[in-house]
């Protein structure tokens, strides 16, 4: 009798379980985000009655709306293939649920407007960089860092380039495993005129003086960074070095010449005896 009762109770449990009807399906995680090709995530599905009771032994079918973006196997394992959007659908007993999948695989750094040219010492430029995925879509949350191996031509202040001296520098942009380099050239404005700013009226033999020369553009503004070469009309009377330092050798009159930016200027200098 006891055996009969036990068998009847088991049959009743099985009968009740079999009568449970699948009314909805819950999927976990509800959304999927993948960032590398081959990256996986396991979806779990739960079949429920209208009252929220689990339906045991429900048979689930998984399908991807775009297998070029993400695939899914019979067990619910999702695999990233390429950047894009897809939907994983789970079905059981004519009921279904969906889990959106977003695949974003960073693949390149785009520097807008590169290579760059800065004109004038102290001129600045803000670099606009963008990380793109392998579908050429911008990766908005990606962070970009910039670095310089040599700061003698330009300096970096965050994403701003500041011209320091004429020449060309290479800047490296980095985001995670991605890198991209670009060149920045610094050039000077066209020189319109050059002129001596300070010239001593006279020098005595043995004395020296530093000559100051300024280069100006067509707008009359001084141009920083122009290199000058110097010479005198008679080195037996006075000499001048590469920095513009003139030294009196013997009494007489001499012309000092300065050249820079394809322009030249001259000044007269009188040397007196001690």
C-alpha atoms as a PDB file:
ATOM      1  CA  UNK A   1       0.000   0.000   0.000  1.00  0.00           C
ATOM      2  CA  UNK A   2       2.794   2.416   0.877  1.00  0.00           C
ATOM      3  CA  UNK A   3       4.505   1.650  -2.402  1.00  0.00           C
ATOM      4  CA  UNK A   4       1.293   2.362  -4.263  1.00  0.00           C
ATOM      5  CA  UNK A   5       0.852   5.717  -2.526  1.00  0.00           C
ATOM      6  CA  UNK A   6       4.423   6.725  -3.337  1.00  0.00           C
ATOM      7  CA  UNK A   7       3.965   5.870  -6.997  1.00  0.00           C
ATOM      8  CA  UNK A   8       0.738   7.806  -7.127  1.00  0.00           C
ATOM      9  CA  UNK A   9       2.369  10.888  -5.530  1.00  0.00           C
ATOM     10  CA  UNK A  10       5.248  10.806  -7.994  1.00  0.00           C
ATOM     11  CA  UNK A  11       2.851  10.486 -10.891  1.00  0.00           C
ATOM     12  CA  UNK A  12       0.875  13.440  -9.577  1.00  0.00           C
ATOM     13  CA  UNK A  13       4.020  15.603  -9.378  1.00  0.00           C
ATOM     14  CA  UNK A  14       4.961  14.665 -12.906  1.00  0.00           C
ATOM     15  CA  UNK A  15       1.471  15.395 -14.106  1.00  0.00           C
ATOM     16  CA  UNK A  16       1.427  18.850 -12.476  1.00  0.00           C
ATOM     17  CA  UNK A  17       4.875  19.667 -13.883  1.00  0.00           C
ATOM     18  CA  UNK A  18       3.840  18.565 -17.331  1.00  0.00           C
ATOM     19  CA  UNK A  19       0.781  20.778 -17.156  1.00  0.00           C
ATOM     20  CA  UNK A  20       2.817  23.905 -16.482  1.00  0.00           C
ATOM     21  CA  UNK A  21       2.640  26.108 -19.547  1.00  0.00           C
ATOM     22  CA  UNK A  22       5.484  28.346 -20.708  1.00  0.00           C
ATOM     23  CA  UNK A  23       4.172  31.903 -20.844  1.00  0.00           C
ATOM     24  CA  UNK A  24       7.408  33.876 -20.888  1.00  0.00           C
ATOM     25  CA  UNK A  25      11.147  33.466 -21.059  1.00  0.00           C
ATOM     26  CA  UNK A  26      13.804  35.364 -19.170  1.00  0.00           C
ATOM     27  CA  UNK A  27      17.333  35.663 -20.575  1.00  0.00           C
ATOM     28  CA  UNK A  28      20.444  36.534 -18.603  1.00  0.00           C
ATOM     29  CA  UNK A  29      22.334  38.713 -19.242  1.00  0.00           C
ATOM     30  CA  UNK A  30      19.578  40.840 -20.762  1.00  0.00           C
ATOM     31  CA  UNK A  31      22.061  42.645 -23.034  1.00  0.00           C
ATOM     32  CA  UNK A  32      25.490  41.625 -24.293  1.00  0.00           C
ATOM     33  CA  UNK A  33      28.482  43.850 -25.081  1.00  0.00           C
ATOM     34  CA  UNK A  34      31.608  42.343 -26.659  1.00  0.00           C
ATOM     35  CA  UNK A  35      34.849  44.135 -27.544  1.00  0.00           C
ATOM     36  CA  UNK A  36      37.107  41.525 -29.170  1.00  0.00           C
ATOM     37  CA  UNK A  37      36.705  39.076 -31.999  1.00  0.00           C
ATOM     38  CA  UNK A  38      36.250  35.619 -30.506  1.00  0.00           C
ATOM     39  CA  UNK A  39      35.116  36.947 -27.133  1.00  0.00           C
ATOM     40  CA  UNK A  40      32.287  34.866 -25.673  1.00  0.00           C
ATOM     41  CA  UNK A  41      29.456  35.146 -23.182  1.00  0.00           C
ATOM     42  CA  UNK A  42      27.060  32.426 -22.027  1.00  0.00           C
ATOM     43  CA  UNK A  43      23.352  33.176 -22.113  1.00  0.00           C
ATOM     44  CA  UNK A  44      21.060  31.405 -19.685  1.00  0.00           C
ATOM     45  CA  UNK A  45      17.335  31.095 -20.293  1.00  0.00           C
ATOM     46  CA  UNK A  46      14.541  30.416 -17.828  1.00  0.00           C
ATOM     47  CA  UNK A  47      11.034  29.394 -18.874  1.00  0.00           C
ATOM     48  CA  UNK A  48       8.275  30.686 -16.574  1.00  0.00           C
ATOM     49  CA  UNK A  49       4.535  30.293 -16.166  1.00  0.00           C
ATOM     50  CA  UNK A  50       2.166  33.242 -16.071  1.00  0.00           C
ATOM     51  CA  UNK A  51       2.580  33.224 -12.291  1.00  0.00           C
ATOM     52  CA  UNK A  52       6.339  33.317 -12.557  1.00  0.00           C
ATOM     53  CA  UNK A  53       6.899  29.697 -11.623  1.00  0.00           C
ATOM     54  CA  UNK A  54       9.796  27.983 -13.393  1.00  0.00           C
ATOM     55  CA  UNK A  55       9.017  25.382 -15.998  1.00  0.00           C
ATOM     56  CA  UNK A  56      11.555  22.607 -15.677  1.00  0.00           C
ATOM     57  CA  UNK A  57      13.098  20.814 -18.619  1.00  0.00           C
ATOM     58  CA  UNK A  58      11.985  23.387 -21.173  1.00  0.00           C
ATOM     59  CA  UNK A  59      13.747  22.979 -24.487  1.00  0.00           C
ATOM     60  CA  UNK A  60      15.336  26.191 -25.763  1.00  0.00           C
ATOM     61  CA  UNK A  61      16.347  27.174 -29.261  1.00  0.00           C
ATOM     62  CA  UNK A  62      18.896  29.984 -29.770  1.00  0.00           C
ATOM     63  CA  UNK A  63      19.337  31.973 -32.972  1.00  0.00           C
ATOM     64  CA  UNK A  64      21.301  35.071 -34.070  1.00  0.00           C
ATOM     65  CA  UNK A  65      19.805  37.742 -36.309  1.00  0.00           C
ATOM     66  CA  UNK A  66      23.232  38.354 -37.887  1.00  0.00           C
ATOM     67  CA  UNK A  67      25.897  35.669 -37.693  1.00  0.00           C
ATOM     68  CA  UNK A  68      28.391  38.040 -39.339  1.00  0.00           C
ATOM     69  CA  UNK A  69      28.260  40.038 -36.094  1.00  0.00           C
ATOM     70  CA  UNK A  70      27.766  37.308 -33.474  1.00  0.00           C
ATOM     71  CA  UNK A  71      27.012  33.603 -33.499  1.00  0.00           C
ATOM     72  CA  UNK A  72      25.248  31.524 -30.851  1.00  0.00           C
ATOM     73  CA  UNK A  73      25.282  27.762 -30.323  1.00  0.00           C
ATOM     74  CA  UNK A  74      22.628  25.404 -28.998  1.00  0.00           C
ATOM     75  CA  UNK A  75      23.808  25.940 -25.424  1.00  0.00           C
ATOM     76  CA  UNK A  76      23.502  29.746 -25.641  1.00  0.00           C
ATOM     77  CA  UNK A  77      27.190  30.593 -26.011  1.00  0.00           C
ATOM     78  CA  UNK A  78      27.521  33.872 -27.948  1.00  0.00           C
ATOM     79  CA  UNK A  79      30.733  34.530 -29.908  1.00  0.00           C
ATOM     80  CA  UNK A  80      31.758  37.947 -31.278  1.00  0.00           C
ATOM     81  CA  UNK A  81      32.666  37.972 -34.988  1.00  0.00           C
ATOM     82  CA  UNK A  82      32.674  41.580 -36.197  1.00  0.00           C
ATOM     83  CA  UNK A  83      31.560  45.011 -35.000  1.00  0.00           C
ATOM     84  CA  UNK A  84      27.847  45.606 -35.364  1.00  0.00           C
ATOM     85  CA  UNK A  85      24.482  44.981 -33.765  1.00  0.00           C
ATOM     86  CA  UNK A  86      22.615  41.687 -33.572  1.00  0.00           C
ATOM     87  CA  UNK A  87      19.801  40.100 -31.583  1.00  0.00           C
ATOM     88  CA  UNK A  88      19.901  36.684 -29.978  1.00  0.00           C
ATOM     89  CA  UNK A  89      16.436  35.113 -29.912  1.00  0.00           C
ATOM     90  CA  UNK A  90      15.515  32.345 -27.457  1.00  0.00           C
ATOM     91  CA  UNK A  91      12.414  30.211 -28.124  1.00  0.00           C
ATOM     92  CA  UNK A  92      10.596  27.572 -26.102  1.00  0.00           C
ATOM     93  CA  UNK A  93       7.056  26.251 -26.658  1.00  0.00           C
ATOM     94  CA  UNK A  94       6.193  29.042 -29.108  1.00  0.00           C
ATOM     95  CA  UNK A  95       7.315  31.719 -26.635  1.00  0.00           C
ATOM     96  CA  UNK A  96      10.423  33.805 -27.234  1.00  0.00           C
ATOM     97  CA  UNK A  97      12.716  36.400 -25.701  1.00  0.00           C
ATOM     98  CA  UNK A  98      15.485  38.509 -27.158  1.00  0.00           C
ATOM     99  CA  UNK A  99      18.885  39.728 -25.953  1.00  0.00           C
ATOM    100  CA  UNK A 100      20.481  42.619 -27.898  1.00  0.00           C
ATOM    101  CA  UNK A 101      24.158  42.128 -28.711  1.00  0.00           C
ATOM    102  CA  UNK A 102      26.516  45.004 -29.475  1.00  0.00           C
ATOM    103  CA  UNK A 103      29.965  44.125 -30.773  1.00  0.00           C
ATOM    104  CA  UNK A 104      32.484  46.962 -30.764  1.00  0.00           C
ATOM    105  CA  UNK A 105      36.010  45.939 -31.772  1.00  0.00           C
ATOM    106  CA  UNK A 106      38.397  48.934 -31.805  1.00  0.00           C
ATOM    107  CA  UNK A 107      40.568  48.607 -34.900  1.00  0.00           C
ATOM    108  CA  UNK A 108      42.020  51.988 -35.906  1.00  0.00           C
ATOM    109  CA  UNK A 109      42.819  55.515 -34.733  1.00  0.00           C
ATOM    110  CA  UNK A 110      41.846  58.348 -37.055  1.00  0.00           C
ATOM    111  CA  UNK A 111      43.587  61.716 -36.592  1.00  0.00           C
ATOM    112  CA  UNK A 112      41.498  64.351 -38.330  1.00  0.00           C
ATOM    113  CA  UNK A 113      43.479  66.722 -40.553  1.00  0.00           C
ATOM    114  CA  UNK A 114      46.881  65.083 -40.049  1.00  0.00           C
ATOM    115  CA  UNK A 115      49.660  65.754 -40.918  1.00  0.00           C
ATOM    116  CA  UNK A 116      49.716  69.245 -39.412  1.00  0.00           C
ATOM    117  CA  UNK A 117      51.640  72.452 -40.047  1.00  0.00           C
ATOM    118  CA  UNK A 118      52.041  75.132 -37.408  1.00  0.00           C
ATOM    119  CA  UNK A 119      53.215  78.553 -38.546  1.00  0.00           C
ATOM    120  CA  UNK A 120      55.050  80.661 -35.992  1.00  0.00           C
ATOM    121  CA  UNK A 121      56.677  79.870 -32.655  1.00  0.00           C
ATOM    122  CA  UNK A 122      54.021  79.642 -29.957  1.00  0.00           C
ATOM    123  CA  UNK A 123      51.224  78.796 -32.385  1.00  0.00           C
ATOM    124  CA  UNK A 124      48.863  76.070 -31.146  1.00  0.00           C
ATOM    125  CA  UNK A 125      46.598  73.366 -32.487  1.00  0.00           C
ATOM    126  CA  UNK A 126      44.093  71.040 -30.810  1.00  0.00           C
ATOM    127  CA  UNK A 127      44.318  67.479 -32.138  1.00  0.00           C
ATOM    128  CA  UNK A 128      41.004  65.773 -32.858  1.00  0.00           C
ATOM    129  CA  UNK A 129      41.410  62.011 -32.746  1.00  0.00           C
ATOM    130  CA  UNK A 130      38.871  59.218 -33.000  1.00  0.00           C
ATOM    131  CA  UNK A 131      38.988  55.487 -32.383  1.00  0.00           C
ATOM    132  CA  UNK A 132      37.002  53.467 -34.915  1.00  0.00           C
ATOM    133  CA  UNK A 133      35.811  49.873 -34.827  1.00  0.00           C
ATOM    134  CA  UNK A 134      36.205  47.413 -37.685  1.00  0.00           C
ATOM    135  CA  UNK A 135      32.919  48.632 -39.146  1.00  0.00           C
ATOM    136  CA  UNK A 136      34.338  52.204 -39.335  1.00  0.00           C
ATOM    137  CA  UNK A 137      32.056  53.373 -36.540  1.00  0.00           C
ATOM    138  CA  UNK A 138      33.379  55.766 -33.846  1.00  0.00           C
ATOM    139  CA  UNK A 139      34.082  54.198 -30.474  1.00  0.00           C
ATOM    140  CA  UNK A 140      32.815  57.034 -28.308  1.00  0.00           C
ATOM    141  CA  UNK A 141      34.038  55.742 -24.944  1.00  0.00           C
ATOM    142  CA  UNK A 142      37.599  55.072 -26.158  1.00  0.00           C
ATOM    143  CA  UNK A 143      40.322  57.194 -24.544  1.00  0.00           C
ATOM    144  CA  UNK A 144      43.193  58.637 -26.569  1.00  0.00           C
ATOM    145  CA  UNK A 145      46.613  59.541 -25.194  1.00  0.00           C
ATOM    146  CA  UNK A 146      49.313  61.457 -27.068  1.00  0.00           C
ATOM    147  CA  UNK A 147      53.079  61.296 -26.603  1.00  0.00           C
ATOM    148  CA  UNK A 148      56.297  62.728 -28.056  1.00  0.00           C
ATOM    149  CA  UNK A 149      59.756  61.203 -28.198  1.00  0.00           C
ATOM    150  CA  UNK A 150      61.321  64.641 -28.727  1.00  0.00           C
ATOM    151  CA  UNK A 151      59.798  67.928 -27.555  1.00  0.00           C
ATOM    152  CA  UNK A 152      62.347  70.197 -29.250  1.00  0.00           C
ATOM    153  CA  UNK A 153      60.018  71.086 -32.150  1.00  0.00           C
ATOM    154  CA  UNK A 154      56.580  70.924 -30.519  1.00  0.00           C
ATOM    155  CA  UNK A 155      55.340  70.443 -27.003  1.00  0.00           C
ATOM    156  CA  UNK A 156      52.226  68.540 -25.934  1.00  0.00           C
ATOM    157  CA  UNK A 157      49.682  69.838 -23.459  1.00  0.00           C
ATOM    158  CA  UNK A 158      47.021  67.146 -23.362  1.00  0.00           C
ATOM    159  CA  UNK A 159      45.772  67.084 -26.950  1.00  0.00           C
ATOM    160  CA  UNK A 160      47.202  70.535 -27.771  1.00  0.00           C
ATOM    161  CA  UNK A 161      50.341  71.018 -29.835  1.00  0.00           C
ATOM    162  CA  UNK A 162      52.476  74.102 -29.198  1.00  0.00           C
ATOM    163  CA  UNK A 163      55.174  75.122 -31.687  1.00  0.00           C
ATOM    164  CA  UNK A 164      58.635  75.498 -30.138  1.00  0.00           C
ATOM    165  CA  UNK A 165      61.095  75.585 -33.046  1.00  0.00           C
ATOM    166  CA  UNK A 166      61.171  75.066 -36.820  1.00  0.00           C
ATOM    167  CA  UNK A 167      61.297  71.414 -37.866  1.00  0.00           C
ATOM    168  CA  UNK A 168      59.183  68.267 -37.947  1.00  0.00           C
ATOM    169  CA  UNK A 169      58.122  66.112 -35.004  1.00  0.00           C
ATOM    170  CA  UNK A 170      56.293  62.775 -34.828  1.00  0.00           C
ATOM    171  CA  UNK A 171      53.429  62.404 -32.363  1.00  0.00           C
ATOM    172  CA  UNK A 172      52.070  59.015 -31.266  1.00  0.00           C
ATOM    173  CA  UNK A 173      48.412  58.484 -30.408  1.00  0.00           C
ATOM    174  CA  UNK A 174      47.585  55.463 -28.230  1.00  0.00           C
ATOM    175  CA  UNK A 175      44.319  53.812 -27.256  1.00  0.00           C
ATOM    176  CA  UNK A 176      44.643  50.436 -25.578  1.00  0.00           C
ATOM    177  CA  UNK A 177      46.582  48.212 -27.971  1.00  0.00           C
ATOM    178  CA  UNK A 178      46.102  50.598 -30.894  1.00  0.00           C
ATOM    179  CA  UNK A 179      48.723  53.164 -31.940  1.00  0.00           C
ATOM    180  CA  UNK A 180      48.899  55.731 -34.718  1.00  0.00           C
ATOM    181  CA  UNK A 181      51.623  58.260 -35.531  1.00  0.00           C
ATOM    182  CA  UNK A 182      51.403  61.554 -37.372  1.00  0.00           C
ATOM    183  CA  UNK A 183      53.806  64.358 -38.249  1.00  0.00           C
ATOM    184  CA  UNK A 184      53.709  67.981 -37.150  1.00  0.00           C
ATOM    185  CA  UNK A 185      55.799  70.528 -39.051  1.00  0.00           C
ATOM    186  CA  UNK A 186      56.636  73.905 -37.570  1.00  0.00           C
ATOM    187  CA  UNK A 187      57.579  76.670 -39.965  1.00  0.00           C
ATOM    188  CA  UNK A 188      58.166  80.376 -39.574  1.00  0.00           C
ATOM    189  CA  UNK A 189      56.109  83.096 -41.249  1.00  0.00           C
ATOM    190  CA  UNK A 190      57.633  84.731 -44.293  1.00  0.00           C
ATOM    191  CA  UNK A 191      60.134  87.409 -43.273  1.00  0.00           C
ATOM    192  CA  UNK A 192      59.429  90.827 -44.773  1.00  0.00           C
ATOM    193  CA  UNK A 193      62.141  92.876 -43.086  1.00  0.00           C
ATOM    194  CA  UNK A 194      65.024  92.518 -40.628  1.00  0.00           C
ATOM    195  CA  UNK A 195      66.508  95.349 -38.602  1.00  0.00           C
ATOM    196  CA  UNK A 196      69.069  95.994 -35.875  1.00  0.00           C
ATOM    197  CA  UNK A 197      67.430  96.928 -32.595  1.00  0.00           C
ATOM    198  CA  UNK A 198      70.495  97.780 -30.528  1.00  0.00           C
ATOM    199  CA  UNK A 199      73.761  99.034 -31.999  1.00  0.00           C
ATOM    200  CA  UNK A 200      76.402 100.907 -29.980  1.00  0.00           C
ATOM    201  CA  UNK A 201      77.346 104.285 -31.452  1.00  0.00           C
ATOM    202  CA  UNK A 202      81.027 103.518 -30.968  1.00  0.00           C
ATOM    203  CA  UNK A 203      83.286 100.879 -29.522  1.00  0.00           C
ATOM    204  CA  UNK A 204      86.796 101.224 -28.206  1.00  0.00           C
ATOM    205  CA  UNK A 205      89.460  98.788 -29.285  1.00  0.00           C
ATOM    206  CA  UNK A 206      89.134  95.593 -27.209  1.00  0.00           C
ATOM    207  CA  UNK A 207      85.496  96.191 -26.296  1.00  0.00           C
ATOM    208  CA  UNK A 208      82.631  93.913 -27.295  1.00  0.00           C
ATOM    209  CA  UNK A 209      78.885  94.390 -27.633  1.00  0.00           C
ATOM    210  CA  UNK A 210      75.912  92.115 -28.374  1.00  0.00           C
ATOM    211  CA  UNK A 211      73.908  93.182 -31.404  1.00  0.00           C
ATOM    212  CA  UNK A 212      70.133  92.538 -31.355  1.00  0.00           C
ATOM    213  CA  UNK A 213      68.292  91.901 -34.621  1.00  0.00           C
ATOM    214  CA  UNK A 214      64.553  91.502 -35.160  1.00  0.00           C
ATOM    215  CA  UNK A 215      62.688  89.932 -38.079  1.00  0.00           C
ATOM    216  CA  UNK A 216      59.201  91.135 -38.951  1.00  0.00           C
ATOM    217  CA  UNK A 217      56.415  89.800 -41.143  1.00  0.00           C
ATOM    218  CA  UNK A 218      54.272  91.680 -43.629  1.00  0.00           C
ATOM    219  CA  UNK A 219      51.953  92.607 -40.746  1.00  0.00           C
ATOM    220  CA  UNK A 220      54.816  94.268 -38.894  1.00  0.00           C
ATOM    221  CA  UNK A 221      54.781  91.717 -36.084  1.00  0.00           C
ATOM    222  CA  UNK A 222      58.066  90.332 -34.800  1.00  0.00           C
ATOM    223  CA  UNK A 223      58.815  86.750 -35.824  1.00  0.00           C
ATOM    224  CA  UNK A 224      60.319  84.491 -33.168  1.00  0.00           C
ATOM    225  CA  UNK A 225      62.800  81.762 -34.035  1.00  0.00           C
ATOM    226  CA  UNK A 226      64.500  83.345 -37.056  1.00  0.00           C
ATOM    227  CA  UNK A 227      68.188  82.405 -37.278  1.00  0.00           C
ATOM    228  CA  UNK A 228      70.661  85.077 -38.338  1.00  0.00           C
ATOM    229  CA  UNK A 229      74.136  85.018 -39.816  1.00  0.00           C
ATOM    230  CA  UNK A 230      76.505  87.923 -39.215  1.00  0.00           C
ATOM    231  CA  UNK A 231      79.511  89.414 -41.007  1.00  0.00           C
ATOM    232  CA  UNK A 232      81.619  92.581 -41.013  1.00  0.00           C
ATOM    233  CA  UNK A 233      83.055  94.467 -43.953  1.00  0.00           C
ATOM    234  CA  UNK A 234      86.558  94.351 -42.450  1.00  0.00           C
ATOM    235  CA  UNK A 235      87.518  91.785 -39.812  1.00  0.00           C
ATOM    236  CA  UNK A 236      90.775  93.639 -39.218  1.00  0.00           C
ATOM    237  CA  UNK A 237      88.698  96.435 -37.684  1.00  0.00           C
ATOM    238  CA  UNK A 238      85.914  94.385 -36.018  1.00  0.00           C
ATOM    239  CA  UNK A 239      84.755  90.788 -35.900  1.00  0.00           C
ATOM    240  CA  UNK A 240      81.317  89.359 -35.178  1.00  0.00           C
ATOM    241  CA  UNK A 241      80.499  85.810 -34.063  1.00  0.00           C
ATOM    242  CA  UNK A 242      77.484  83.572 -34.749  1.00  0.00           C
ATOM    243  CA  UNK A 243      75.542  85.033 -31.822  1.00  0.00           C
ATOM    244  CA  UNK A 244      75.928  88.641 -32.993  1.00  0.00           C
ATOM    245  CA  UNK A 245      78.646  89.585 -30.538  1.00  0.00           C
ATOM    246  CA  UNK A 246      80.876  92.202 -32.205  1.00  0.00           C
ATOM    247  CA  UNK A 247      84.433  92.815 -30.991  1.00  0.00           C
ATOM    248  CA  UNK A 248      86.504  95.903 -31.791  1.00  0.00           C
ATOM    249  CA  UNK A 249      89.983  95.086 -33.131  1.00  0.00           C
ATOM    250  CA  UNK A 250      91.442  98.435 -34.218  1.00  0.00           C
ATOM    251  CA  UNK A 251      90.315 101.988 -34.866  1.00  0.00           C
ATOM    252  CA  UNK A 252      88.272 102.622 -37.990  1.00  0.00           C
ATOM    253  CA  UNK A 253      84.788 102.291 -39.469  1.00  0.00           C
ATOM    254  CA  UNK A 254      83.108  99.003 -40.349  1.00  0.00           C
ATOM    255  CA  UNK A 255      79.780  97.796 -41.666  1.00  0.00           C
ATOM    256  CA  UNK A 256      78.053  94.952 -39.805  1.00  0.00           C
ATOM    257  CA  UNK A 257      75.590  92.850 -41.778  1.00  0.00           C
ATOM    258  CA  UNK A 258      72.857  90.504 -40.489  1.00  0.00           C
ATOM    259  CA  UNK A 259      70.927  88.071 -42.714  1.00  0.00           C
ATOM    260  CA  UNK A 260      67.858  86.008 -41.810  1.00  0.00           C
ATOM    261  CA  UNK A 261      64.812  84.650 -43.621  1.00  0.00           C
ATOM    262  CA  UNK A 262      66.245  85.706 -46.999  1.00  0.00           C
ATOM    263  CA  UNK A 263      66.379  89.324 -45.826  1.00  0.00           C
ATOM    264  CA  UNK A 264      69.369  91.408 -44.757  1.00  0.00           C
ATOM    265  CA  UNK A 265      70.172  94.610 -42.911  1.00  0.00           C
ATOM    266  CA  UNK A 266      73.353  96.613 -42.292  1.00  0.00           C
ATOM    267  CA  UNK A 267      74.607  99.088 -39.732  1.00  0.00           C
ATOM    268  CA  UNK A 268      77.695 101.258 -39.405  1.00  0.00           C
ATOM    269  CA  UNK A 269      80.007 100.953 -36.440  1.00  0.00           C
ATOM    270  CA  UNK A 270      82.882 103.251 -35.458  1.00  0.00           C
ATOM    271  CA  UNK A 271      85.855 101.858 -33.568  1.00  0.00           C
ATOM    272  CA  UNK A 272      87.946 104.288 -31.521  1.00  0.00           C
ATOM    273  CA  UNK A 273      91.279 103.942 -29.876  1.00  0.00           C
ATOM    274  CA  UNK A 274      91.372 103.167 -26.174  1.00  0.00           C
END
